PDB file of N, CA and C in Angstrom:
ATOM      1  N   GLN A   1      15.268 193.269  54.763  1.00  0.00           N
ATOM      2  CA  GLN A   1      16.315 192.292  55.026  1.00  0.00           C
ATOM      3  C   GLN A   1      15.715 190.992  55.508  1.00  0.00           C
ATOM      4  N   VAL A   2      16.444 189.932  55.240  1.00  0.00           N
ATOM      5  CA  VAL A   2      16.042 188.605  55.673  1.00  0.00           C
ATOM      6  C   VAL A   2      17.207 187.969  56.431  1.00  0.00           C
ATOM      7  N   GLN A   3      16.899 187.345  57.528  1.00  0.00           N
ATOM      8  CA  GLN A   3      17.907 186.610  58.286  1.00  0.00           C
ATOM      9  C   GLN A   3      17.556 185.122  58.247  1.00  0.00           C
ATOM     10  N   LEU A   4      18.577 184.318  57.979  1.00  0.00           N
ATOM     11  CA  LEU A   4      18.416 182.868  57.929  1.00  0.00           C
ATOM     12  C   LEU A   4      19.406 182.243  58.909  1.00  0.00           C
ATOM     13  N   VAL A   5      18.906 181.422  59.796  1.00  0.00           N
ATOM     14  CA  VAL A   5      19.761 180.782  60.788  1.00  0.00           C
ATOM     15  C   VAL A   5      19.607 179.271  60.676  1.00  0.00           C
ATOM     16  N   GLU A   6      20.708 178.623  60.325  1.00  0.00           N
ATOM     17  CA  GLU A   6      20.705 177.170  60.155  1.00  0.00           C
ATOM     18  C   GLU A   6      21.200 176.482  61.416  1.00  0.00           C
ATOM     19  N   SER A   7      20.776 175.248  61.580  1.00  0.00           N
ATOM     20  CA  SER A   7      21.261 174.418  62.683  1.00  0.00           C
ATOM     21  C   SER A   7      21.108 172.956  62.292  1.00  0.00           C
ATOM     22  N   GLY A   8      21.791 172.095  63.049  1.00  0.00           N
ATOM     23  CA  GLY A   8      21.595 170.667  62.860  1.00  0.00           C
ATOM     24  C   GLY A   8      22.726 169.924  62.207  1.00  0.00           C
ATOM     25  N   GLY A   9      23.774 170.611  61.760  1.00  0.00           N
ATOM     26  CA  GLY A   9      24.896 169.904  61.160  1.00  0.00           C
ATOM     27  C   GLY A   9      25.690 169.131  62.198  1.00  0.00           C
ATOM     28  N   GLY A  10      26.668 168.376  61.701  1.00  0.00           N
ATOM     29  CA  GLY A  10      27.512 167.624  62.619  1.00  0.00           C
ATOM     30  C   GLY A  10      28.259 166.524  61.915  1.00  0.00           C
ATOM     31  N   LEU A  11      28.826 165.642  62.729  1.00  0.00           N
ATOM     32  CA  LEU A  11      29.602 164.505  62.233  1.00  0.00           C
ATOM     33  C   LEU A  11      28.774 163.242  62.396  1.00  0.00           C
ATOM     34  N   VAL A  12      28.696 162.461  61.348  1.00  0.00           N
ATOM     35  CA  VAL A  12      27.908 161.238  61.388  1.00  0.00           C
ATOM     36  C   VAL A  12      28.611 160.179  60.543  1.00  0.00           C
ATOM     37  N   GLN A  13      28.410 158.926  60.901  1.00  0.00           N
ATOM     38  CA  GLN A  13      28.979 157.846  60.110  1.00  0.00           C
ATOM     39  C   GLN A  13      28.141 157.594  58.863  1.00  0.00           C
ATOM     40  N   ALA A  14      28.779 157.051  57.853  1.00  0.00           N
ATOM     41  CA  ALA A  14      28.061 156.693  56.632  1.00  0.00           C
ATOM     42  C   ALA A  14      26.872 155.793  56.974  1.00  0.00           C
ATOM     43  N   GLY A  15      25.743 156.078  56.326  1.00  0.00           N
ATOM     44  CA  GLY A  15      24.523 155.338  56.610  1.00  0.00           C
ATOM     45  C   GLY A  15      23.643 155.990  57.661  1.00  0.00           C
ATOM     46  N   GLY A  16      24.187 156.978  58.345  1.00  0.00           N
ATOM     47  CA  GLY A  16      23.445 157.652  59.392  1.00  0.00           C
ATOM     48  C   GLY A  16      22.538 158.746  58.857  1.00  0.00           C
ATOM     49  N   SER A  17      21.937 159.483  59.788  1.00  0.00           N
ATOM     50  CA  SER A  17      20.972 160.522  59.447  1.00  0.00           C
ATOM     51  C   SER A  17      21.265 161.807  60.199  1.00  0.00           C
ATOM     52  N   LEU A  18      20.871 162.907  59.603  1.00  0.00           N
ATOM     53  CA  LEU A  18      20.904 164.222  60.232  1.00  0.00           C
ATOM     54  C   LEU A  18      19.694 165.008  59.754  1.00  0.00           C
ATOM     55  N   ARG A  19      19.256 165.948  60.581  1.00  0.00           N
ATOM     56  CA  ARG A  19      18.174 166.841  60.196  1.00  0.00           C
ATOM     57  C   ARG A  19      18.639 168.276  60.345  1.00  0.00           C
ATOM     58  N   LEU A  20      18.603 169.008  59.254  1.00  0.00           N
ATOM     59  CA  LEU A  20      18.963 170.419  59.266  1.00  0.00           C
ATOM     60  C   LEU A  20      17.704 171.271  59.367  1.00  0.00           C
ATOM     61  N   SER A  21      17.853 172.401  60.045  1.00  0.00           N
ATOM     62  CA  SER A  21      16.764 173.363  60.157  1.00  0.00           C
ATOM     63  C   SER A  21      17.261 174.732  59.724  1.00  0.00           C
ATOM     64  N   CYS A  22      16.359 175.530  59.166  1.00  0.00           N
ATOM     65  CA  CYS A  22      16.681 176.907  58.784  1.00  0.00           C
ATOM     66  C   CYS A  22      15.481 177.777  59.124  1.00  0.00           C
ATOM     67  N   ALA A  23      15.684 178.679  60.073  1.00  0.00           N
ATOM     68  CA  ALA A  23      14.619 179.584  60.493  1.00  0.00           C
ATOM     69  C   ALA A  23      14.823 180.940  59.836  1.00  0.00           C
ATOM     70  N   ALA A  24      13.771 181.448  59.205  1.00  0.00           N
ATOM     71  CA  ALA A  24      13.819 182.738  58.520  1.00  0.00           C
ATOM     72  C   ALA A  24      13.117 183.794  59.356  1.00  0.00           C
ATOM     73  N   SER A  25      13.671 185.001  59.340  1.00  0.00           N
ATOM     74  CA  SER A  25      13.053 186.129  60.038  1.00  0.00           C
ATOM     75  C   SER A  25      13.325 187.401  59.251  1.00  0.00           C
ATOM     76  N   GLY A  26      12.634 188.462  59.628  1.00  0.00           N
ATOM     77  CA  GLY A  26      12.797 189.733  58.922  1.00  0.00           C
ATOM     78  C   GLY A  26      11.683 189.928  57.909  1.00  0.00           C
ATOM     79  N   SER A  27      12.024 190.472  56.754  1.00  0.00           N
ATOM     80  CA  SER A  27      11.044 190.775  55.711  1.00  0.00           C
ATOM     81  C   SER A  27      10.760 189.528  54.888  1.00  0.00           C
ATOM     82  N   ILE A  28      10.077 188.592  55.492  1.00  0.00           N
ATOM     83  CA  ILE A  28       9.915 187.283  54.872  1.00  0.00           C
ATOM     84  C   ILE A  28       8.551 187.083  54.232  1.00  0.00           C
ATOM     85  N   PHE A  29       7.726 188.132  54.222  1.00  0.00           N
ATOM     86  CA  PHE A  29       6.408 187.990  53.630  1.00  0.00           C
ATOM     87  C   PHE A  29       6.537 187.651  52.149  1.00  0.00           C
ATOM     88  N   SER A  30       5.667 186.810  51.684  1.00  0.00           N
ATOM     89  CA  SER A  30       5.576 186.442  50.265  1.00  0.00           C
ATOM     90  C   SER A  30       6.757 185.630  49.745  1.00  0.00           C
ATOM     91  N   ILE A  31       7.625 185.155  50.623  1.00  0.00           N
ATOM     92  CA  ILE A  31       8.682 184.273  50.132  1.00  0.00           C
ATOM     93  C   ILE A  31       8.049 182.964  49.689  1.00  0.00           C
ATOM     94  N   ASN A  32       8.292 182.579  48.443  1.00  0.00           N
ATOM     95  CA  ASN A  32       7.699 181.355  47.925  1.00  0.00           C
ATOM     96  C   ASN A  32       8.639 180.168  48.105  1.00  0.00           C
ATOM     97  N   THR A  33       9.754 180.185  47.425  1.00  0.00           N
ATOM     98  CA  THR A  33      10.650 179.036  47.445  1.00  0.00           C
ATOM     99  C   THR A  33      11.753 179.211  48.491  1.00  0.00           C
ATOM    100  N   MET A  34      11.968 178.151  49.241  1.00  0.00           N
ATOM    101  CA  MET A  34      13.105 178.056  50.156  1.00  0.00           C
ATOM    102  C   MET A  34      13.941 176.858  49.711  1.00  0.00           C
ATOM    103  N   ALA A  35      15.239 176.993  49.808  1.00  0.00           N
ATOM    104  CA  ALA A  35      16.095 175.948  49.245  1.00  0.00           C
ATOM    105  C   ALA A  35      17.300 175.674  50.137  1.00  0.00           C
ATOM    106  N   TRP A  36      17.838 174.469  49.965  1.00  0.00           N
ATOM    107  CA  TRP A  36      19.111 174.082  50.567  1.00  0.00           C
ATOM    108  C   TRP A  36      20.131 173.880  49.438  1.00  0.00           C
ATOM    109  N   HIS A  37      21.302 174.422  49.650  1.00  0.00           N
ATOM    110  CA  HIS A  37      22.433 174.218  48.758  1.00  0.00           C
ATOM    111  C   HIS A  37      23.574 173.638  49.588  1.00  0.00           C
ATOM    112  N   ARG A  38      24.593 173.138  48.907  1.00  0.00           N
ATOM    113  CA  ARG A  38      25.777 172.684  49.625  1.00  0.00           C
ATOM    114  C   ARG A  38      27.019 172.974  48.803  1.00  0.00           C
ATOM    115  N   GLN A  39      28.117 173.090  49.528  1.00  0.00           N
ATOM    116  CA  GLN A  39      29.405 173.326  48.872  1.00  0.00           C
ATOM    117  C   GLN A  39      30.465 172.477  49.552  1.00  0.00           C
ATOM    118  N   ALA A  40      31.028 171.567  48.784  1.00  0.00           N
ATOM    119  CA  ALA A  40      32.116 170.727  49.268  1.00  0.00           C
ATOM    120  C   ALA A  40      33.442 171.406  48.959  1.00  0.00           C
ATOM    121  N   PRO A  41      34.502 171.072  49.696  1.00  0.00           N
ATOM    122  CA  PRO A  41      35.801 171.688  49.439  1.00  0.00           C
ATOM    123  C   PRO A  41      36.236 171.522  47.991  1.00  0.00           C
ATOM    124  N   GLY A  42      36.629 172.625  47.370  1.00  0.00           N
ATOM    125  CA  GLY A  42      37.113 172.580  45.994  1.00  0.00           C
ATOM    126  C   GLY A  42      36.041 172.436  44.942  1.00  0.00           C
ATOM    127  N   LYS A  43      34.779 172.484  45.349  1.00  0.00           N
ATOM    128  CA  LYS A  43      33.688 172.312  44.385  1.00  0.00           C
ATOM    129  C   LYS A  43      32.766 173.523  44.409  1.00  0.00           C
ATOM    130  N   GLN A  44      31.985 173.654  43.348  1.00  0.00           N
ATOM    131  CA  GLN A  44      31.022 174.740  43.291  1.00  0.00           C
ATOM    132  C   GLN A  44      29.814 174.441  44.174  1.00  0.00           C
ATOM    133  N   ARG A  45      29.173 175.506  44.620  1.00  0.00           N
ATOM    134  CA  ARG A  45      27.954 175.329  45.387  1.00  0.00           C
ATOM    135  C   ARG A  45      26.876 174.739  44.476  1.00  0.00           C
ATOM    136  N   GLU A  46      26.111 173.798  45.006  1.00  0.00           N
ATOM    137  CA  GLU A  46      25.076 173.150  44.197  1.00  0.00           C
ATOM    138  C   GLU A  46      23.759 173.112  44.952  1.00  0.00           C
ATOM    139  N   LEU A  47      22.675 173.145  44.189  1.00  0.00           N
ATOM    140  CA  LEU A  47      21.346 173.021  44.766  1.00  0.00           C
ATOM    141  C   LEU A  47      21.119 171.585  45.208  1.00  0.00           C
ATOM    142  N   VAL A  48      20.638 171.428  46.433  1.00  0.00           N
ATOM    143  CA  VAL A  48      20.323 170.107  46.967  1.00  0.00           C
ATOM    144  C   VAL A  48      18.830 169.833  46.856  1.00  0.00           C
ATOM    145  N   ALA A  49      18.021 170.783  47.338  1.00  0.00           N
ATOM    146  CA  ALA A  49      16.574 170.603  47.320  1.00  0.00           C
ATOM    147  C   ALA A  49      15.898 171.952  47.502  1.00  0.00           C
ATOM    148  N   ALA A  50      14.672 172.057  46.984  1.00  0.00           N
ATOM    149  CA  ALA A  50      13.907 173.290  47.125  1.00  0.00           C
ATOM    150  C   ALA A  50      12.446 172.938  47.336  1.00  0.00           C
ATOM    151  N   ILE A  51      11.737 173.858  47.991  1.00  0.00           N
ATOM    152  CA  ILE A  51      10.320 173.635  48.277  1.00  0.00           C
ATOM    153  C   ILE A  51       9.582 174.959  48.177  1.00  0.00           C
ATOM    154  N   THR A  52       8.405 174.917  47.555  1.00  0.00           N
ATOM    155  CA  THR A  52       7.581 176.113  47.462  1.00  0.00           C
ATOM    156  C   THR A  52       6.663 176.224  48.675  1.00  0.00           C
ATOM    157  N   ARG A  53       6.041 177.364  48.815  1.00  0.00           N
ATOM    158  CA  ARG A  53       5.113 177.567  49.929  1.00  0.00           C
ATOM    159  C   ARG A  53       3.982 176.539  49.879  1.00  0.00           C
ATOM    160  N   GLY A  54       3.612 176.138  48.670  1.00  0.00           N
ATOM    161  CA  GLY A  54       2.545 175.158  48.515  1.00  0.00           C
ATOM    162  C   GLY A  54       2.980 173.722  48.703  1.00  0.00           C
ATOM    163  N   GLY A  55       4.290 173.506  48.842  1.00  0.00           N
ATOM    164  CA  GLY A  55       4.783 172.161  49.118  1.00  0.00           C
ATOM    165  C   GLY A  55       5.372 171.422  47.937  1.00  0.00           C
ATOM    166  N   SER A  56       5.457 172.052  46.788  1.00  0.00           N
ATOM    167  CA  SER A  56       6.107 171.394  45.656  1.00  0.00           C
ATOM    168  C   SER A  56       7.608 171.347  45.898  1.00  0.00           C
ATOM    169  N   THR A  57       8.207 170.209  45.551  1.00  0.00           N
ATOM    170  CA  THR A  57       9.620 170.009  45.841  1.00  0.00           C
ATOM    171  C   THR A  57      10.396 169.592  44.598  1.00  0.00           C
ATOM    172  N   ASN A  58      11.700 169.847  44.640  1.00  0.00           N
ATOM    173  CA  ASN A  58      12.598 169.260  43.657  1.00  0.00           C
ATOM    174  C   ASN A  58      13.928 168.977  44.332  1.00  0.00           C
ATOM    175  N   TYR A  59      14.602 167.960  43.815  1.00  0.00           N
ATOM    176  CA  TYR A  59      15.824 167.466  44.436  1.00  0.00           C
ATOM    177  C   TYR A  59      16.920 167.269  43.393  1.00  0.00           C
ATOM    178  N   ALA A  60      18.152 167.400  43.834  1.00  0.00           N
ATOM    179  CA  ALA A  60      19.279 166.982  43.014  1.00  0.00           C
ATOM    180  C   ALA A  60      19.219 165.467  42.856  1.00  0.00           C
ATOM    181  N   ASP A  61      19.629 164.987  41.700  1.00  0.00           N
ATOM    182  CA  ASP A  61      19.586 163.546  41.456  1.00  0.00           C
ATOM    183  C   ASP A  61      20.381 162.765  42.503  1.00  0.00           C
ATOM    184  N   SER A  62      21.454 163.360  42.975  1.00  0.00           N
ATOM    185  CA  SER A  62      22.347 162.658  43.899  1.00  0.00           C
ATOM    186  C   SER A  62      21.716 162.407  45.267  1.00  0.00           C
ATOM    187  N   VAL A  63      20.634 163.111  45.594  1.00  0.00           N
ATOM    188  CA  VAL A  63      20.030 162.947  46.918  1.00  0.00           C
ATOM    189  C   VAL A  63      18.610 162.390  46.864  1.00  0.00           C
ATOM    190  N   LYS A  64      18.069 162.216  45.680  1.00  0.00           N
ATOM    191  CA  LYS A  64      16.700 161.704  45.557  1.00  0.00           C
ATOM    192  C   LYS A  64      16.577 160.353  46.247  1.00  0.00           C
ATOM    193  N   GLY A  65      15.514 160.202  47.011  1.00  0.00           N
ATOM    194  CA  GLY A  65      15.273 158.962  47.724  1.00  0.00           C
ATOM    195  C   GLY A  65      15.973 158.877  49.072  1.00  0.00           C
ATOM    196  N   ARG A  66      16.879 159.817  49.345  1.00  0.00           N
ATOM    197  CA  ARG A  66      17.595 159.819  50.632  1.00  0.00           C
ATOM    198  C   ARG A  66      17.286 161.065  51.461  1.00  0.00           C
ATOM    199  N   PHE A  67      17.111 162.196  50.809  1.00  0.00           N
ATOM    200  CA  PHE A  67      16.856 163.458  51.499  1.00  0.00           C
ATOM    201  C   PHE A  67      15.397 163.859  51.296  1.00  0.00           C
ATOM    202  N   THR A  68      14.853 164.513  52.323  1.00  0.00           N
ATOM    203  CA  THR A  68      13.490 165.040  52.237  1.00  0.00           C
ATOM    204  C   THR A  68      13.476 166.469  52.741  1.00  0.00           C
ATOM    205  N   ILE A  69      12.986 167.370  51.910  1.00  0.00           N
ATOM    206  CA  ILE A  69      12.833 168.771  52.317  1.00  0.00           C
ATOM    207  C   ILE A  69      11.387 168.984  52.742  1.00  0.00           C
ATOM    208  N   SER A  70      11.220 169.750  53.807  1.00  0.00           N
ATOM    209  CA  SER A  70       9.868 170.071  54.280  1.00  0.00           C
ATOM    210  C   SER A  70       9.880 171.483  54.842  1.00  0.00           C
ATOM    211  N   ARG A  71       8.698 171.956  55.171  1.00  0.00           N
ATOM    212  CA  ARG A  71       8.605 173.365  55.539  1.00  0.00           C
ATOM    213  C   ARG A  71       7.428 173.571  56.472  1.00  0.00           C
ATOM    214  N   ASP A  72       7.608 174.427  57.453  1.00  0.00           N
ATOM    215  CA  ASP A  72       6.544 174.843  58.364  1.00  0.00           C
ATOM    216  C   ASP A  72       6.329 176.327  58.118  1.00  0.00           C
ATOM    217  N   ASN A  73       5.298 176.665  57.368  1.00  0.00           N
ATOM    218  CA  ASN A  73       5.068 178.067  57.004  1.00  0.00           C
ATOM    219  C   ASN A  73       4.737 178.917  58.232  1.00  0.00           C
ATOM    220  N   ALA A  74       4.088 178.330  59.200  1.00  0.00           N
ATOM    221  CA  ALA A  74       3.730 179.083  60.411  1.00  0.00           C
ATOM    222  C   ALA A  74       4.972 179.488  61.192  1.00  0.00           C
ATOM    223  N   LYS A  75       6.017 178.653  61.113  1.00  0.00           N
ATOM    224  CA  LYS A  75       7.259 178.938  61.830  1.00  0.00           C
ATOM    225  C   LYS A  75       8.325 179.530  60.918  1.00  0.00           C
ATOM    226  N   ASN A  76       7.992 179.703  59.646  1.00  0.00           N
ATOM    227  CA  ASN A  76       8.968 180.227  58.674  1.00  0.00           C
ATOM    228  C   ASN A  76      10.271 179.433  58.718  1.00  0.00           C
ATOM    229  N   THR A  77      10.121 178.142  58.762  1.00  0.00           N
ATOM    230  CA  THR A  77      11.275 177.253  58.905  1.00  0.00           C
ATOM    231  C   THR A  77      11.232 176.177  57.827  1.00  0.00           C
ATOM    232  N   VAL A  78      12.406 175.894  57.282  1.00  0.00           N
ATOM    233  CA  VAL A  78      12.546 174.816  56.314  1.00  0.00           C
ATOM    234  C   VAL A  78      13.499 173.785  56.901  1.00  0.00           C
ATOM    235  N   TYR A  79      13.226 172.524  56.604  1.00  0.00           N
ATOM    236  CA  TYR A  79      14.005 171.417  57.143  1.00  0.00           C
ATOM    237  C   TYR A  79      14.584 170.583  56.007  1.00  0.00           C
ATOM    238  N   LEU A  80      15.675 169.899  56.315  1.00  0.00           N
ATOM    239  CA  LEU A  80      16.232 168.928  55.381  1.00  0.00           C
ATOM    240  C   LEU A  80      16.562 167.667  56.169  1.00  0.00           C
ATOM    241  N   GLN A  81      15.759 166.637  55.973  1.00  0.00           N
ATOM    242  CA  GLN A  81      16.023 165.346  56.595  1.00  0.00           C
ATOM    243  C   GLN A  81      16.932 164.557  55.666  1.00  0.00           C
ATOM    244  N   MET A  82      18.092 164.189  56.177  1.00  0.00           N
ATOM    245  CA  MET A  82      19.089 163.499  55.367  1.00  0.00           C
ATOM    246  C   MET A  82      19.299 162.102  55.934  1.00  0.00           C
ATOM    247  N   ASN A  83      18.941 161.097  55.147  1.00  0.00           N
ATOM    248  CA  ASN A  83      19.087 159.698  55.544  1.00  0.00           C
ATOM    249  C   ASN A  83      20.100 159.000  54.651  1.00  0.00           C
ATOM    250  N   ARG A  84      20.577 157.867  55.116  1.00  0.00           N
ATOM    251  CA  ARG A  84      21.547 157.056  54.352  1.00  0.00           C
ATOM    252  C   ARG A  84      22.680 157.937  53.816  1.00  0.00           C
ATOM    253  N   LEU A  85      23.236 158.715  54.718  1.00  0.00           N
ATOM    254  CA  LEU A  85      24.287 159.655  54.322  1.00  0.00           C
ATOM    255  C   LEU A  85      25.522 158.931  53.821  1.00  0.00           C
ATOM    256  N   LYS A  86      26.183 159.580  52.860  1.00  0.00           N
ATOM    257  CA  LYS A  86      27.389 159.048  52.231  1.00  0.00           C
ATOM    258  C   LYS A  86      28.537 160.027  52.458  1.00  0.00           C
ATOM    259  N   PRO A  87      29.779 159.547  52.416  1.00  0.00           N
ATOM    260  CA  PRO A  87      30.910 160.476  52.555  1.00  0.00           C
ATOM    261  C   PRO A  87      30.864 161.624  51.547  1.00  0.00           C
ATOM    262  N   GLU A  88      30.342 161.369  50.367  1.00  0.00           N
ATOM    263  CA  GLU A  88      30.277 162.425  49.354  1.00  0.00           C
ATOM    264  C   GLU A  88      29.219 163.487  49.658  1.00  0.00           C
ATOM    265  N   ASP A  89      28.436 163.281  50.698  1.00  0.00           N
ATOM    266  CA  ASP A  89      27.503 164.319  51.156  1.00  0.00           C
ATOM    267  C   ASP A  89      28.192 165.344  52.058  1.00  0.00           C
ATOM    268  N   THR A  90      29.439 165.093  52.397  1.00  0.00           N
ATOM    269  CA  THR A  90      30.190 166.026  53.239  1.00  0.00           C
ATOM    270  C   THR A  90      30.307 167.377  52.552  1.00  0.00           C
ATOM    271  N   ALA A  91      29.866 168.423  53.245  1.00  0.00           N
ATOM    272  CA  ALA A  91      29.852 169.768  52.667  1.00  0.00           C
ATOM    273  C   ALA A  91      29.347 170.742  53.724  1.00  0.00           C
ATOM    274  N   VAL A  92      29.453 172.021  53.398  1.00  0.00           N
ATOM    275  CA  VAL A  92      28.747 173.041  54.167  1.00  0.00           C
ATOM    276  C   VAL A  92      27.389 173.230  53.492  1.00  0.00           C
ATOM    277  N   TYR A  93      26.340 173.137  54.290  1.00  0.00           N
ATOM    278  CA  TYR A  93      24.980 173.250  53.767  1.00  0.00           C
ATOM    279  C   TYR A  93      24.433 174.642  54.083  1.00  0.00           C
ATOM    280  N   TYR A  94      23.851 175.273  53.056  1.00  0.00           N
ATOM    281  CA  TYR A  94      23.352 176.630  53.176  1.00  0.00           C
ATOM    282  C   TYR A  94      21.858 176.687  52.847  1.00  0.00           C
ATOM    283  N   CYS A  95      21.147 177.463  53.612  1.00  0.00           N
ATOM    284  CA  CYS A  95      19.755 177.771  53.335  1.00  0.00           C
ATOM    285  C   CYS A  95      19.719 179.025  52.454  1.00  0.00           C
ATOM    286  N   GLN A  96      18.777 179.086  51.530  1.00  0.00           N
ATOM    287  CA  GLN A  96      18.713 180.210  50.599  1.00  0.00           C
ATOM    288  C   GLN A  96      17.267 180.567  50.274  1.00  0.00           C
ATOM    289  N   VAL A  97      16.994 181.873  50.185  1.00  0.00           N
ATOM    290  CA  VAL A  97      15.701 182.363  49.710  1.00  0.00           C
ATOM    291  C   VAL A  97      15.941 183.570  48.818  1.00  0.00           C
ATOM    292  N   ARG A  98      14.975 183.866  47.963  1.00  0.00           N
ATOM    293  CA  ARG A  98      14.977 185.105  47.195  1.00  0.00           C
ATOM    294  C   ARG A  98      13.576 185.689  47.282  1.00  0.00           C
ATOM    295  N   PRO A  99      13.392 186.686  48.131  1.00  0.00           N
ATOM    296  CA  PRO A  99      12.068 187.283  48.263  1.00  0.00           C
ATOM    297  C   PRO A  99      11.627 187.898  46.947  1.00  0.00           C
ATOM    298  N   PRO A 100      10.325 187.965  46.687  1.00  0.00           N
ATOM    299  CA  PRO A 100       9.848 188.526  45.417  1.00  0.00           C
ATOM    300  C   PRO A 100      10.178 190.004  45.254  1.00  0.00           C
ATOM    301  N   TRP A 101      10.436 190.702  46.371  1.00  0.00           N
ATOM    302  CA  TRP A 101      10.740 192.127  46.303  1.00  0.00           C
ATOM    303  C   TRP A 101      12.235 192.400  46.124  1.00  0.00           C
ATOM    304  N   SER A 102      13.026 191.326  45.988  1.00  0.00           N
ATOM    305  CA  SER A 102      14.475 191.486  45.930  1.00  0.00           C
ATOM    306  C   SER A 102      15.046 190.840  44.670  1.00  0.00           C
ATOM    307  N   THR A 103      16.129 191.421  44.168  1.00  0.00           N
ATOM    308  CA  THR A 103      16.858 190.785  43.067  1.00  0.00           C
ATOM    309  C   THR A 103      18.032 189.982  43.585  1.00  0.00           C
ATOM    310  N   ALA A 104      18.219 189.968  44.900  1.00  0.00           N
ATOM    311  CA  ALA A 104      19.356 189.276  45.503  1.00  0.00           C
ATOM    312  C   ALA A 104      18.898 188.051  46.274  1.00  0.00           C
ATOM    313  N   ASP A 105      19.783 187.062  46.330  1.00  0.00           N
ATOM    314  CA  ASP A 105      19.547 185.903  47.168  1.00  0.00           C
ATOM    315  C   ASP A 105      20.011 186.193  48.584  1.00  0.00           C
ATOM    316  N   TYR A 106      19.325 185.602  49.539  1.00  0.00           N
ATOM    317  CA  TYR A 106      19.745 185.663  50.925  1.00  0.00           C
ATOM    318  C   TYR A 106      20.198 184.269  51.338  1.00  0.00           C
ATOM    319  N   TRP A 107      21.312 184.245  52.076  1.00  0.00           N
ATOM    320  CA  TRP A 107      21.915 182.980  52.467  1.00  0.00           C
ATOM    321  C   TRP A 107      22.100 182.922  53.978  1.00  0.00           C
ATOM    322  N   GLY A 108      21.992 181.718  54.513  1.00  0.00           N
ATOM    323  CA  GLY A 108      22.362 181.533  55.904  1.00  0.00           C
ATOM    324  C   GLY A 108      23.868 181.453  56.032  1.00  0.00           C
ATOM    325  N   GLN A 109      24.327 181.269  57.277  1.00  0.00           N
ATOM    326  CA  GLN A 109      25.769 181.248  57.547  1.00  0.00           C
ATOM    327  C   GLN A 109      26.395 179.913  57.190  1.00  0.00           C
ATOM    328  N   GLY A 110      25.565 178.890  56.974  1.00  0.00           N
ATOM    329  CA  GLY A 110      26.066 177.573  56.632  1.00  0.00           C
ATOM    330  C   GLY A 110      26.247 176.698  57.858  1.00  0.00           C
ATOM    331  N   THR A 111      26.039 175.421  57.667  1.00  0.00           N
ATOM    332  CA  THR A 111      26.262 174.439  58.733  1.00  0.00           C
ATOM    333  C   THR A 111      27.028 173.254  58.136  1.00  0.00           C
ATOM    334  N   GLN A 112      28.063 172.840  58.854  1.00  0.00           N
ATOM    335  CA  GLN A 112      28.945 171.788  58.348  1.00  0.00           C
ATOM    336  C   GLN A 112      28.331 170.410  58.575  1.00  0.00           C
ATOM    337  N   VAL A 113      28.321 169.621  57.519  1.00  0.00           N
ATOM    338  CA  VAL A 113      27.926 168.214  57.611  1.00  0.00           C
ATOM    339  C   VAL A 113      29.126 167.378  57.177  1.00  0.00           C
ATOM    340  N   THR A 114      29.570 166.498  58.058  1.00  0.00           N
ATOM    341  CA  THR A 114      30.701 165.628  57.760  1.00  0.00           C
ATOM    342  C   THR A 114      30.273 164.181  57.927  1.00  0.00           C
ATOM    343  N   VAL A 115      30.459 163.401  56.869  1.00  0.00           N
ATOM    344  CA  VAL A 115      30.078 161.986  56.894  1.00  0.00           C
ATOM    345  C   VAL A 115      31.352 161.158  56.796  1.00  0.00           C
ATOM    346  N   SER A 116      31.608 160.384  57.826  1.00  0.00           N
ATOM    347  CA  SER A 116      32.811 159.552  57.843  1.00  0.00           C
ATOM    348  C   SER A 116      32.513 158.170  57.270  1.00  0.00           C
ATOM    349  N   SER A 117      33.524 157.610  56.641  1.00  0.00           N
ATOM    350  CA  SER A 117      33.340 156.278  56.025  1.00  0.00           C
ATOM    351  C   SER A 117      33.676 155.164  56.980  1.00  0.00           C
TER     352      SER A 117
END
């Protein structure tokens, strides 16, 4: 089993910044990719950013140049630095991993990010 605990969400004005954290514990050996997804009301969950153990990253087009994903392998923690936030970034943000020994994804409980205009 894997446990993911997110933190760092909140309410911020447009143009502001937030930093999300996701700490992984449990059977986390050999986890390569860690990712952030988000789900806005009435919309499907979408991938925001992902990072491999080696540091390779990819981002949704909508957040490129504004969000930065990073990772501390020693702490088994992934971060999402969100700058120049927009109202359309409002969503519940989820951390996700899929260990190589599992066919299932593991998700955190989600953290709410609300950007006011």
